[in-house]
PDB file of N, CA and C in Angstrom:
ATOM      1  N   ARG A   1     138.168  89.641  71.809  1.00  0.00           N
ATOM      2  CA  ARG A   1     138.463  89.021  73.163  1.00  0.00           C
ATOM      3  C   ARG A   1     137.109  89.007  73.996  1.00  0.00           C
ATOM      4  N   ALA A   2     136.858  87.784  74.374  1.00  0.00           N
ATOM      5  CA  ALA A   2     135.645  87.598  75.119  1.00  0.00           C
ATOM      6  C   ALA A   2     135.974  88.019  76.740  1.00  0.00           C
ATOM      7  N   SER A   3     134.961  88.830  77.098  1.00  0.00           N
ATOM      8  CA  SER A   3     135.248  89.278  78.424  1.00  0.00           C
ATOM      9  C   SER A   3     134.830  88.068  79.552  1.00  0.00           C
ATOM     10  N   LYS A   4     135.543  88.211  80.729  1.00  0.00           N
ATOM     11  CA  LYS A   4     135.257  87.439  81.818  1.00  0.00           C
ATOM     12  C   LYS A   4     133.968  87.617  82.395  1.00  0.00           C
ATOM     13  N   ASN A   5     133.336  86.575  82.749  1.00  0.00           N
ATOM     14  CA  ASN A   5     132.134  86.827  83.764  1.00  0.00           C
ATOM     15  C   ASN A   5     132.594  86.924  84.941  1.00  0.00           C
ATOM     16  N   LYS A   6     132.102  87.649  85.730  1.00  0.00           N
ATOM     17  CA  LYS A   6     132.481  88.064  87.047  1.00  0.00           C
ATOM     18  C   LYS A   6     131.942  87.363  87.918  1.00  0.00           C
ATOM     19  N   LYS A   7     132.552  86.696  88.872  1.00  0.00           N
ATOM     20  CA  LYS A   7     131.964  85.851  89.858  1.00  0.00           C
ATOM     21  C   LYS A   7     131.683  86.374  91.113  1.00  0.00           C
ATOM     22  N   TYR A   8     130.543  86.381  91.498  1.00  0.00           N
ATOM     23  CA  TYR A   8     129.925  87.120  92.996  1.00  0.00           C
ATOM     24  C   TYR A   8     129.838  85.900  94.006  1.00  0.00           C
ATOM     25  N   PRO A   9     130.277  86.202  95.284  1.00  0.00           N
ATOM     26  CA  PRO A   9     130.139  85.113  96.138  1.00  0.00           C
ATOM     27  C   PRO A   9     128.833  84.964  96.582  1.00  0.00           C
ATOM     28  N   LYS A  10     128.490  83.595  96.948  1.00  0.00           N
ATOM     29  CA  LYS A  10     127.306  83.283  97.078  1.00  0.00           C
ATOM     30  C   LYS A  10     126.947  83.449  98.942  1.00  0.00           C
ATOM     31  N   VAL A  11     125.912  84.011  99.147  1.00  0.00           N
ATOM     32  CA  VAL A  11     125.515  84.239 100.552  1.00  0.00           C
ATOM     33  C   VAL A  11     124.281  84.013 100.766  1.00  0.00           C
ATOM     34  N   ASP A  12     123.947  83.452 102.363  1.00  0.00           N
ATOM     35  CA  ASP A  12     122.727  83.495 102.860  1.00  0.00           C
ATOM     36  C   ASP A  12     122.453  84.514 103.493  1.00  0.00           C
ATOM     37  N   LEU A  13     121.515  85.328 103.265  1.00  0.00           N
ATOM     38  CA  LEU A  13     121.263  86.572 104.050  1.00  0.00           C
ATOM     39  C   LEU A  13     119.866  86.356 105.078  1.00  0.00           C
ATOM     40  N   GLY A  14     119.443  85.080 105.077  1.00  0.00           N
ATOM     41  CA  GLY A  14     118.653  84.804 106.153  1.00  0.00           C
ATOM     42  C   GLY A  14     117.032  85.234 105.340  1.00  0.00           C
ATOM     43  N   ASP A  15     116.951  85.809 104.260  1.00  0.00           N
ATOM     44  CA  ASP A  15     115.685  86.364 103.637  1.00  0.00           C
ATOM     45  C   ASP A  15     114.900  85.379 102.896  1.00  0.00           C
ATOM     46  N   ARG A  16     115.047  83.909 103.170  1.00  0.00           N
ATOM     47  CA  ARG A  16     114.108  83.085 102.658  1.00  0.00           C
ATOM     48  C   ARG A  16     114.478  82.846 101.169  1.00  0.00           C
ATOM     49  N   CYS A  17     115.608  83.274 100.623  1.00  0.00           N
ATOM     50  CA  CYS A  17     116.126  83.165  99.229  1.00  0.00           C
ATOM     51  C   CYS A  17     117.117  82.201  99.295  1.00  0.00           C
ATOM     52  N   LYS A  18     117.620  81.538 100.374  1.00  0.00           N
ATOM     53  CA  LYS A  18     118.827  80.628 100.553  1.00  0.00           C
ATOM     54  C   LYS A  18     119.812  81.427  99.840  1.00  0.00           C
ATOM     55  N   LYS A  19     120.987  80.623  99.563  1.00  0.00           N
ATOM     56  CA  LYS A  19     122.222  81.040  99.179  1.00  0.00           C
ATOM     57  C   LYS A  19     122.212  81.394  97.741  1.00  0.00           C
ATOM     58  N   LEU A  20     122.313  82.878  97.540  1.00  0.00           N
ATOM     59  CA  LEU A  20     122.399  83.323  96.245  1.00  0.00           C
ATOM     60  C   LEU A  20     123.640  84.315  96.127  1.00  0.00           C
ATOM     61  N   SER A  21     123.911  84.746  95.072  1.00  0.00           N
ATOM     62  CA  SER A  21     125.171  85.646  94.898  1.00  0.00           C
ATOM     63  C   SER A  21     124.532  86.966  95.159  1.00  0.00           C
ATOM     64  N   ILE A  22     125.458  87.980  95.728  1.00  0.00           N
ATOM     65  CA  ILE A  22     125.337  89.272  96.129  1.00  0.00           C
ATOM     66  C   ILE A  22     124.450  89.740  95.107  1.00  0.00           C
ATOM     67  N   LYS A  23     124.820  89.887  93.757  1.00  0.00           N
ATOM     68  CA  LYS A  23     124.219  90.539  92.657  1.00  0.00           C
ATOM     69  C   LYS A  23     122.746  90.184  92.587  1.00  0.00           C
ATOM     70  N   MET A  24     122.417  88.787  92.688  1.00  0.00           N
ATOM     71  CA  MET A  24     120.982  88.055  92.660  1.00  0.00           C
ATOM     72  C   MET A  24     120.387  88.960  94.042  1.00  0.00           C
ATOM     73  N   HIS A  25     120.933  88.848  94.958  1.00  0.00           N
ATOM     74  CA  HIS A  25     120.295  89.626  96.253  1.00  0.00           C
ATOM     75  C   HIS A  25     119.740  90.883  95.884  1.00  0.00           C
ATOM     76  N   LEU A  26     120.818  91.605  95.432  1.00  0.00           N
ATOM     77  CA  LEU A  26     120.611  92.969  95.213  1.00  0.00           C
ATOM     78  C   LEU A  26     119.345  93.237  94.181  1.00  0.00           C
ATOM     79  N   ASN A  27     119.472  92.509  92.935  1.00  0.00           N
ATOM     80  CA  ASN A  27     118.325  92.497  92.042  1.00  0.00           C
ATOM     81  C   ASN A  27     117.067  92.119  92.464  1.00  0.00           C
ATOM     82  N   ASN A  28     116.830  91.205  93.365  1.00  0.00           N
ATOM     83  CA  ASN A  28     115.730  90.941  94.257  1.00  0.00           C
ATOM     84  C   ASN A  28     115.206  92.114  94.933  1.00  0.00           C
ATOM     85  N   ILE A  29     116.135  92.724  95.912  1.00  0.00           N
ATOM     86  CA  ILE A  29     115.756  93.748  96.483  1.00  0.00           C
ATOM     87  C   ILE A  29     115.315  95.086  95.603  1.00  0.00           C
ATOM     88  N   TRP A  30     115.998  94.991  94.517  1.00  0.00           N
ATOM     89  CA  TRP A  30     115.567  96.417  93.524  1.00  0.00           C
ATOM     90  C   TRP A  30     114.150  96.008  93.106  1.00  0.00           C
ATOM     91  N   LYS A  31     113.847  94.780  92.587  1.00  0.00           N
ATOM     92  CA  LYS A  31     112.545  94.363  91.987  1.00  0.00           C
ATOM     93  C   LYS A  31     111.430  94.843  93.293  1.00  0.00           C
ATOM     94  N   SER A  32     111.770  94.499  94.479  1.00  0.00           N
ATOM     95  CA  SER A  32     110.729  94.805  95.559  1.00  0.00           C
ATOM     96  C   SER A  32     110.591  96.253  95.812  1.00  0.00           C
ATOM     97  N   VAL A  33     111.681  97.037  95.559  1.00  0.00           N
ATOM     98  CA  VAL A  33     111.408  98.498  95.690  1.00  0.00           C
ATOM     99  C   VAL A  33     110.498  98.863  94.553  1.00  0.00           C
ATOM    100  N   HIS A  34     110.933  98.531  93.522  1.00  0.00           N
ATOM    101  CA  HIS A  34     110.039  98.863  92.526  1.00  0.00           C
ATOM    102  C   HIS A  34     108.629  98.471  92.532  1.00  0.00           C
ATOM    103  N   SER A  35     108.147  97.456  92.912  1.00  0.00           N
ATOM    104  CA  SER A  35     106.827  96.696  93.416  1.00  0.00           C
ATOM    105  C   SER A  35     106.089  97.783  94.267  1.00  0.00           C
ATOM    106  N   ILE A  36     106.965  98.178  95.433  1.00  0.00           N
ATOM    107  CA  ILE A  36     106.475  99.097  96.403  1.00  0.00           C
ATOM    108  C   ILE A  36     106.048 100.324  95.721  1.00  0.00           C
ATOM    109  N   GLU A  37     107.216 100.895  95.059  1.00  0.00           N
ATOM    110  CA  GLU A  37     106.937 102.116  94.379  1.00  0.00           C
ATOM    111  C   GLU A  37     105.698 102.201  93.470  1.00  0.00           C
ATOM    112  N   ASN A  38     105.443 101.111  92.719  1.00  0.00           N
ATOM    113  CA  ASN A  38     104.303 100.860  91.858  1.00  0.00           C
ATOM    114  C   ASN A  38     102.952 100.779  92.642  1.00  0.00           C
ATOM    115  N   ASP A  39     102.851 100.274  93.966  1.00  0.00           N
ATOM    116  CA  ASP A  39     101.800 100.154  94.812  1.00  0.00           C
ATOM    117  C   ASP A  39     101.332 101.485  95.200  1.00  0.00           C
ATOM    118  N   ILE A  40     102.350 102.131  95.755  1.00  0.00           N
ATOM    119  CA  ILE A  40     102.120 103.553  96.109  1.00  0.00           C
ATOM    120  C   ILE A  40     101.703 104.430  94.900  1.00  0.00           C
ATOM    121  N   GLU A  41     102.436 104.576  94.006  1.00  0.00           N
ATOM    122  CA  GLU A  41     101.802 105.259  92.832  1.00  0.00           C
ATOM    123  C   GLU A  41     100.374 104.869  92.415  1.00  0.00           C
ATOM    124  N   TYR A  42     100.053 103.645  92.354  1.00  0.00           N
ATOM    125  CA  TYR A  42      98.778 103.297  91.990  1.00  0.00           C
ATOM    126  C   TYR A  42      97.778 103.940  93.198  1.00  0.00           C
ATOM    127  N   GLY A  43      98.160 103.617  94.322  1.00  0.00           N
ATOM    128  CA  GLY A  43      97.319 104.263  95.250  1.00  0.00           C
ATOM    129  C   GLY A  43      97.042 105.492  95.268  1.00  0.00           C
ATOM    130  N   VAL A  44      98.151 106.515  95.118  1.00  0.00           N
ATOM    131  CA  VAL A  44      97.924 107.947  95.191  1.00  0.00           C
ATOM    132  C   VAL A  44      96.956 108.152  93.992  1.00  0.00           C
ATOM    133  N   PHE A  45      97.076 107.629  92.751  1.00  0.00           N
ATOM    134  CA  PHE A  45      96.293 107.980  91.665  1.00  0.00           C
ATOM    135  C   PHE A  45      94.762 107.603  91.595  1.00  0.00           C
ATOM    136  N   GLU A  46      94.798 106.311  92.674  1.00  0.00           N
ATOM    137  CA  GLU A  46      93.395 105.711  92.862  1.00  0.00           C
ATOM    138  C   GLU A  46      92.728 106.993  93.833  1.00  0.00           C
ATOM    139  N   LYS A  47      93.201 107.372  94.954  1.00  0.00           N
ATOM    140  CA  LYS A  47      92.640 108.427  95.727  1.00  0.00           C
ATOM    141  C   LYS A  47      92.473 109.733  95.044  1.00  0.00           C
ATOM    142  N   LEU A  48      93.279 110.141  94.101  1.00  0.00           N
ATOM    143  CA  LEU A  48      92.812 111.276  93.444  1.00  0.00           C
ATOM    144  C   LEU A  48      91.836 111.198  92.595  1.00  0.00           C
ATOM    145  N   ARG A  49      91.602 110.133  91.784  1.00  0.00           N
ATOM    146  CA  ARG A  49      90.437 109.874  91.166  1.00  0.00           C
ATOM    147  C   ARG A  49      89.178 109.735  91.663  1.00  0.00           C
ATOM    148  N   ILE A  50      89.248 109.379  93.089  1.00  0.00           N
ATOM    149  CA  ILE A  50      88.107 109.444  93.882  1.00  0.00           C
ATOM    150  C   ILE A  50      87.789 110.778  94.158  1.00  0.00           C
ATOM    151  N   ILE A  51      88.571 111.637  94.639  1.00  0.00           N
ATOM    152  CA  ILE A  51      88.548 113.001  95.127  1.00  0.00           C
ATOM    153  C   ILE A  51      88.057 113.661  93.922  1.00  0.00           C
ATOM    154  N   GLU A  52      88.419 113.538  92.723  1.00  0.00           N
ATOM    155  CA  GLU A  52      88.193 114.244  91.534  1.00  0.00           C
ATOM    156  C   GLU A  52      86.739 114.059  91.241  1.00  0.00           C
ATOM    157  N   TYR A  53      86.437 112.805  91.498  1.00  0.00           N
ATOM    158  CA  TYR A  53      84.787 112.451  91.197  1.00  0.00           C
ATOM    159  C   TYR A  53      84.096 112.863  92.318  1.00  0.00           C
ATOM    160  N   GLU A  54      84.508 113.017  93.449  1.00  0.00           N
ATOM    161  CA  GLU A  54      83.606 113.549  94.714  1.00  0.00           C
ATOM    162  C   GLU A  54      83.417 114.992  94.524  1.00  0.00           C
ATOM    163  N   LEU A  55      84.478 115.836  94.040  1.00  0.00           N
ATOM    164  CA  LEU A  55      84.314 117.143  93.750  1.00  0.00           C
ATOM    165  C   LEU A  55      83.348 117.481  92.369  1.00  0.00           C
ATOM    166  N   SER A  56      83.412 116.808  91.459  1.00  0.00           N
ATOM    167  CA  SER A  56      82.474 116.790  90.375  1.00  0.00           C
ATOM    168  C   SER A  56      81.206 116.653  90.794  1.00  0.00           C
ATOM    169  N   CYS A  57      80.708 115.775  91.856  1.00  0.00           N
ATOM    170  CA  CYS A  57      79.272 115.652  92.390  1.00  0.00           C
ATOM    171  C   CYS A  57      78.993 116.707  93.092  1.00  0.00           C
ATOM    172  N   ILE A  58      79.718 117.217  93.749  1.00  0.00           N
ATOM    173  CA  ILE A  58      79.516 118.441  94.727  1.00  0.00           C
ATOM    174  C   ILE A  58      79.264 119.540  93.721  1.00  0.00           C
ATOM    175  N   ASN A  59      80.222 119.819  92.711  1.00  0.00           N
ATOM    176  CA  ASN A  59      79.796 121.090  91.836  1.00  0.00           C
ATOM    177  C   ASN A  59      78.394 120.827  91.068  1.00  0.00           C
ATOM    178  N   LYS A  60      78.129 119.474  90.717  1.00  0.00           N
ATOM    179  CA  LYS A  60      76.974 119.216  89.943  1.00  0.00           C
ATOM    180  C   LYS A  60      75.590 119.493  90.866  1.00  0.00           C
ATOM    181  N   ALA A  61      75.998 119.358  92.189  1.00  0.00           N
ATOM    182  CA  ALA A  61      74.883 119.501  93.263  1.00  0.00           C
ATOM    183  C   ALA A  61      74.718 121.019  93.496  1.00  0.00           C
ATOM    184  N   LYS A  62      75.552 121.719  93.109  1.00  0.00           N
ATOM    185  CA  LYS A  62      75.563 123.196  93.280  1.00  0.00           C
ATOM    186  C   LYS A  62      74.842 124.059  92.064  1.00  0.00           C
ATOM    187  N   LEU A  63      74.810 123.406  90.908  1.00  0.00           N
ATOM    188  CA  LEU A  63      74.049 123.931  89.938  1.00  0.00           C
ATOM    189  C   LEU A  63      72.652 124.108  90.038  1.00  0.00           C
ATOM    190  N   PRO A  64      72.220 125.418  89.506  1.00  0.00           N
ATOM    191  CA  PRO A  64      70.841 125.700  89.952  1.00  0.00           C
ATOM    192  C   PRO A  64      69.733 125.020  89.102  1.00  0.00           C
ATOM    193  N   TRP A  65      70.559 124.454  87.937  1.00  0.00           N
ATOM    194  CA  TRP A  65      69.231 123.758  87.052  1.00  0.00           C
ATOM    195  C   TRP A  65      69.275 122.308  87.044  1.00  0.00           C
TER     196      TRP A  65
END
């Protein structure tokens, strides 16, 4: 037996996405959240890489030879 497609009402949230189903709005929000998470994660790892490099330079400068 085929399942029925669930119909979601279309609404305009005023977010420049025009009139979309509530499900589509939620999917768009979820994609934005993941994009922000990825940007934050990349930024943190990039900062850690720079700190690690700077620490290695400091340690090399302390070597007596």
